[in-house]
Amino acid sequence: MATRTIELDVRPFHERGEEPFQAIMDAVEALGPEDAFLLVNSFEPIPLFGVMKKLGYSYTADEVAPEEWRILFTRST
């Protein structure tokens, strides 16, 4: 069970025409061993899933509203 969940909403990055990948990786790097990472995005970030899997994370992705995806990453066991 995660001790805390770090949330990052990258939709403002997209609105400004910026790439959020580095901000995502910075957030992931700051996670503790029991922490979870909640990414809020305007689309399902399929390429990121492979990157996170290589880093040892599994995920659940839910479209909660039009242009609002919530992806929860947790360390794979």
Protein backbone atom coordinates (compact mmCIF):
# COMPACT_ATOMS: atom_id res chain seq x y z
CA MET A 1 0.00 0.00 0.00
CA ALA A 2 1.33 3.42 -0.94
CA THR A 3 2.25 5.71 1.93
CA ARG A 4 1.55 8.82 -0.14
CA THR A 5 0.43 9.70 -3.63
CA ILE A 6 2.20 12.40 -5.59
CA GLU A 7 -0.08 14.03 -8.17
CA LEU A 8 1.03 15.86 -11.31
CA ASP A 9 -1.44 17.45 -13.72
CA VAL A 10 0.34 17.92 -17.05
CA ARG A 11 -2.59 19.43 -18.94
CA PRO A 12 -1.22 22.97 -18.42
CA PHE A 13 2.02 21.88 -20.11
CA HIS A 14 0.07 20.81 -23.19
CA GLU A 15 -1.93 24.04 -23.18
CA ARG A 16 1.36 26.00 -23.27
CA GLY A 17 2.72 23.78 -26.04
CA GLU A 18 5.37 22.31 -23.73
CA GLU A 19 6.53 18.72 -23.38
CA PRO A 20 5.88 17.43 -19.82
CA PHE A 21 8.17 14.39 -19.96
CA GLN A 22 10.94 15.90 -17.82
CA ALA A 23 8.46 17.08 -15.18
CA ILE A 24 7.01 13.57 -15.08
CA MET A 25 10.45 11.99 -14.69
CA ASP A 26 11.38 14.52 -11.97
CA ALA A 27 8.23 13.59 -10.06
CA VAL A 28 8.93 9.86 -10.44
CA GLU A 29 12.52 10.34 -9.28
CA ALA A 30 11.26 12.02 -6.10
CA LEU A 31 9.03 9.05 -5.18
CA GLY A 32 9.85 6.98 -2.13
CA PRO A 33 9.76 3.19 -2.30
CA GLU A 34 6.14 3.00 -1.13
CA ASP A 35 4.83 6.10 -2.92
CA ALA A 36 2.38 6.15 -5.80
CA PHE A 37 2.32 8.62 -8.68
CA LEU A 38 -0.96 9.98 -10.05
CA LEU A 39 -0.65 11.55 -13.48
CA VAL A 40 -3.51 13.69 -14.77
CA ASN A 41 -3.45 14.11 -18.54
CA SER A 42 -5.75 15.07 -21.39
CA PHE A 43 -5.14 11.76 -23.17
CA GLU A 44 -3.99 8.21 -22.41
CA PRO A 45 -0.16 8.46 -22.53
CA ILE A 46 0.49 5.02 -24.02
CA PRO A 47 4.23 5.59 -24.79
CA LEU A 48 4.82 6.49 -21.13
CA PHE A 49 3.53 3.10 -20.00
CA GLY A 50 6.55 1.32 -21.50
CA VAL A 51 8.96 3.79 -19.92
CA MET A 52 7.37 3.36 -16.52
CA LYS A 53 7.32 -0.42 -16.84
CA LYS A 54 11.08 -0.38 -17.43
CA LEU A 55 11.41 1.69 -14.24
CA GLY A 56 9.48 -0.96 -12.30
CA TYR A 57 5.98 0.53 -12.23
CA SER A 58 2.57 -0.86 -13.08
CA TYR A 59 -0.44 1.34 -13.75
CA THR A 60 -4.18 1.71 -13.94
CA ALA A 61 -5.61 4.25 -16.38
CA ASP A 62 -9.10 5.71 -16.20
CA GLU A 63 -10.78 8.27 -18.41
CA VAL A 64 -12.83 10.16 -15.82
CA ALA A 65 -14.12 12.94 -18.10
CA PRO A 66 -13.63 14.09 -21.69
CA GLU A 67 -9.94 14.98 -22.00
CA GLU A 68 -9.21 13.95 -18.41
CA TRP A 69 -7.29 10.77 -17.80
CA ARG A 70 -6.02 9.74 -14.37
CA ILE A 71 -3.19 7.24 -14.42
CA LEU A 72 -2.01 5.75 -11.14
CA PHE A 73 1.49 4.31 -11.16
CA THR A 74 2.66 2.03 -8.36
CA ARG A 75 5.80 -0.01 -7.98
CA SER A 76 5.43 -3.50 -9.38
CA THR A 77 5.84 -6.29 -6.85
